[in-house]
Amino acid sequence: MSFFDAFFSAFVSDDKSKAFCGLYDDIYVQQQFRWDCGIATTTMVLRWYKNVVDTPLEWESATPLWTIDLFVFLKERGVSAVMSTSVKGIEPGHSDIPWYSEHMDKDRERVMRLFDLAEQKGWAIEDPVPTEALARHLSNEEEIVAIVLINSNNLIPRGGVDQNKYAGHYILLLKYNEDD
């Protein structure tokens, strides 16, 4: 079974035990709203690394949360993290999606400020990681997790996201076992 076949068979399951194999119930955080996947994933990462959430990510409700927001939040809490992205800023096409366009000017300013902060602090921001490399990282014995931004429109078969309302959905990948 390929990495993505294994991932999607677990991810789209209605049965949480299939998705987490019962091994990660202590870190699992259910989204409270349709827009708070970034909050849920950062909380799970803090539980994974620190076994506690000192200060959950607080966010103005129903406004876009960008990957750099998650990265800076985790780095400021001592999580050893690397960010991979194809765009250092805001993807220009997002301005055509109402969810993002409403806050675009304010968000663009904040996002660029956070990229500048990351650069000043020497926090690693790299080019995108190929799928095969991500699978290799997740299959080794080190304690590595990945917050991955996926195209939310790929989730439509399960009816979980309104098409074109959001461009992305954050998920947490914990381990990959090629034998499973």
Protein backbone atom coordinates (compact mmCIF):
# COMPACT_ATOMS: atom_id res chain seq x y z
CA MET A 1 0.00 0.00 0.00
CA SER A 2 1.44 3.39 -0.94
CA PHE A 3 2.05 6.14 1.61
CA PHE A 4 -0.95 8.15 0.41
CA ASP A 5 -3.24 5.10 0.14
CA ALA A 6 -2.43 4.24 3.75
CA PHE A 7 -2.82 7.85 4.84
CA PHE A 8 -6.14 8.48 3.15
CA SER A 9 -7.64 5.13 4.19
CA ALA A 10 -6.98 6.10 7.81
CA PHE A 11 -7.70 9.81 7.47
CA VAL A 12 -11.12 9.57 5.89
CA SER A 13 -12.27 6.88 8.30
CA ASP A 14 -15.22 7.71 10.52
CA ASP A 15 -13.66 5.40 13.10
CA LYS A 16 -11.06 7.33 15.13
CA SER A 17 -9.50 4.06 16.32
CA LYS A 18 -8.66 3.19 12.71
CA ALA A 19 -7.04 6.55 12.13
CA PHE A 20 -4.99 6.49 15.34
CA CYS A 21 -4.80 2.72 15.94
CA GLY A 22 -5.64 3.47 19.58
CA LEU A 23 -2.01 4.48 20.15
CA TYR A 24 -2.46 8.23 20.16
CA ASP A 25 -5.73 8.78 21.98
CA ASP A 26 -3.89 10.71 24.71
CA ILE A 27 -2.89 13.46 22.27
CA TYR A 28 -5.94 13.51 20.01
CA VAL A 29 -7.80 16.83 19.83
CA GLN A 30 -11.13 17.10 18.05
CA GLN A 31 -11.73 20.26 16.06
CA GLN A 32 -14.37 22.45 17.67
CA PHE A 33 -15.23 24.34 14.49
CA ARG A 34 -14.78 23.87 10.75
CA TRP A 35 -11.93 26.38 10.67
CA ASP A 36 -9.74 25.37 13.66
CA CYS A 37 -7.71 22.48 12.23
CA GLY A 38 -4.48 24.46 12.80
CA ILE A 39 -5.32 24.92 16.48
CA ALA A 40 -6.10 21.22 16.87
CA THR A 41 -2.87 20.11 15.18
CA THR A 42 -0.60 22.46 17.16
CA THR A 43 -2.25 21.32 20.40
CA MET A 44 -1.60 17.69 19.42
CA VAL A 45 2.04 18.47 18.63
CA LEU A 46 2.49 20.08 22.06
CA ARG A 47 0.92 17.03 23.69
CA TRP A 48 3.18 14.76 21.62
CA TYR A 49 6.41 16.55 22.53
CA LYS A 50 5.69 17.95 25.96
CA ASN A 51 2.86 15.71 27.12
CA VAL A 52 1.12 18.89 28.21
CA VAL A 53 -0.36 21.98 26.63
CA ASP A 54 1.02 24.97 28.48
CA THR A 55 -0.86 27.57 26.45
CA PRO A 56 -3.08 26.41 23.60
CA LEU A 57 -3.01 28.47 20.45
CA GLU A 58 -5.71 31.09 20.80
CA TRP A 59 -7.13 32.56 17.66
CA GLU A 60 -9.73 35.11 16.67
CA SER A 61 -12.62 32.91 15.66
CA ALA A 62 -13.33 32.21 12.05
CA THR A 63 -10.37 34.04 10.54
CA PRO A 64 -7.59 32.45 8.46
CA LEU A 65 -4.68 30.83 10.23
CA TRP A 66 -1.51 30.54 8.12
CA THR A 67 1.24 27.92 8.33
CA ILE A 68 3.74 30.51 9.56
CA ASP A 69 1.38 31.21 12.50
CA LEU A 70 1.59 27.55 13.52
CA PHE A 71 5.36 27.41 13.02
CA VAL A 72 6.10 30.50 15.12
CA PHE A 73 3.69 29.35 17.86
CA LEU A 74 5.49 25.99 18.13
CA LYS A 75 9.00 27.48 17.95
CA GLU A 76 8.17 29.97 20.71
CA ARG A 77 7.22 27.01 22.91
CA GLY A 78 10.51 25.21 22.36
CA VAL A 79 9.39 22.66 19.79
CA SER A 80 12.20 21.68 17.44
CA ALA A 81 10.46 22.42 14.17
CA VAL A 82 11.28 23.06 10.54
CA MET A 83 8.83 24.66 8.14
CA SER A 84 8.63 23.62 4.50
CA THR A 85 6.75 25.83 2.08
CA SER A 86 6.56 26.70 -1.57
CA VAL A 87 5.56 30.30 -0.84
CA LYS A 88 7.21 32.57 1.71
CA GLY A 89 4.19 34.75 2.20
CA ILE A 90 0.60 34.30 1.10
CA GLU A 91 -0.34 32.29 -1.97
CA PRO A 92 -1.64 34.94 -4.43
CA GLY A 93 -4.58 32.77 -5.54
CA HIS A 94 -6.06 32.87 -2.04
CA SER A 95 -7.24 36.42 -2.61
CA ASP A 96 -9.93 34.98 -4.91
CA ILE A 97 -11.41 32.87 -2.09
CA PRO A 98 -13.81 34.81 0.18
CA TRP A 99 -12.59 33.08 3.38
CA TYR A 100 -9.14 34.59 2.82
CA SER A 101 -9.86 37.78 0.87
CA GLU A 102 -11.85 39.34 3.72
CA HIS A 103 -8.71 39.58 5.87
CA MET A 104 -6.03 39.59 3.16
CA ASP A 105 -4.38 42.96 3.84
CA LYS A 106 -4.16 42.45 7.59
CA ASP A 107 -3.04 38.83 7.17
CA ARG A 108 -0.40 39.65 4.56
CA GLU A 109 1.21 42.17 6.89
CA ARG A 110 1.22 39.73 9.84
CA VAL A 111 2.46 36.81 7.75
CA MET A 112 5.38 38.79 6.33
CA ARG A 113 6.26 40.03 9.83
CA LEU A 114 6.35 36.42 11.05
CA PHE A 115 8.56 35.31 8.15
CA ASP A 116 10.92 38.18 9.04
CA LEU A 117 10.90 37.08 12.71
CA ALA A 118 11.71 33.48 11.72
CA GLU A 119 14.60 34.68 9.58
CA GLN A 120 15.96 36.93 12.36
CA LYS A 121 15.84 34.03 14.83
CA GLY A 122 17.45 31.63 12.36
CA TRP A 123 14.49 29.26 12.36
CA ALA A 124 14.67 26.87 9.41
CA ILE A 125 12.22 27.48 6.57
CA GLU A 126 12.90 25.16 3.68
CA ASP A 127 11.54 24.29 0.26
CA PRO A 128 8.72 21.71 0.14
CA VAL A 129 9.57 18.16 1.19
CA PRO A 130 8.81 15.48 -1.43
CA THR A 131 6.24 12.90 -0.34
CA GLU A 132 8.80 10.08 -0.35
CA ALA A 133 11.13 12.05 1.94
CA LEU A 134 8.25 12.78 4.33
CA ALA A 135 7.38 9.07 4.43
CA ARG A 136 11.05 8.21 5.19
CA HIS A 137 11.17 10.75 8.02
CA LEU A 138 7.94 9.43 9.52
CA SER A 139 9.03 5.78 9.25
CA ASN A 140 12.32 6.11 11.15
CA GLU A 141 12.64 5.56 14.89
CA GLU A 142 12.99 9.23 15.80
CA GLU A 143 10.09 11.08 17.38
CA ILE A 144 9.12 13.07 14.29
CA VAL A 145 5.64 14.37 13.51
CA ALA A 146 4.47 16.52 10.64
CA ILE A 147 1.72 19.08 10.36
CA VAL A 148 0.77 18.87 6.71
CA LEU A 149 -1.39 21.31 4.80
CA ILE A 150 -3.52 19.47 2.26
CA ASN A 151 -5.96 20.68 -0.37
CA SER A 152 -9.27 20.67 1.50
CA ASN A 153 -11.20 20.03 -1.69
CA ASN A 154 -9.73 16.50 -1.63
CA LEU A 155 -11.92 15.87 1.41
CA ILE A 156 -15.19 16.48 -0.42
CA PRO A 157 -16.06 12.76 -0.79
CA ARG A 158 -16.64 12.66 2.96
CA GLY A 159 -18.50 15.98 2.89
CA GLY A 160 -16.27 17.48 5.57
CA VAL A 161 -15.38 20.78 3.90
CA ASP A 162 -17.34 23.16 1.69
CA GLN A 163 -15.69 23.30 -1.70
CA ASN A 164 -13.87 26.60 -2.29
CA LYS A 165 -14.54 27.89 1.23
CA TYR A 166 -11.06 26.92 2.43
CA ALA A 167 -8.05 26.17 0.28
CA GLY A 168 -6.33 24.00 2.87
CA HIS A 169 -6.78 21.73 5.85
CA TYR A 170 -4.07 20.98 8.43
CA ILE A 171 -3.56 17.38 9.47
CA LEU A 172 -1.06 15.70 11.78
CA LEU A 173 1.00 12.76 10.58
CA LEU A 174 2.66 10.78 13.35
CA LYS A 175 4.15 7.61 11.91
CA TYR A 176 4.33 5.71 8.68
CA ASN A 177 4.93 1.99 8.60
CA GLU A 178 5.44 0.64 5.10
CA ASP A 179 4.48 -2.86 6.29
CA ASP A 180 0.98 -1.86 7.45
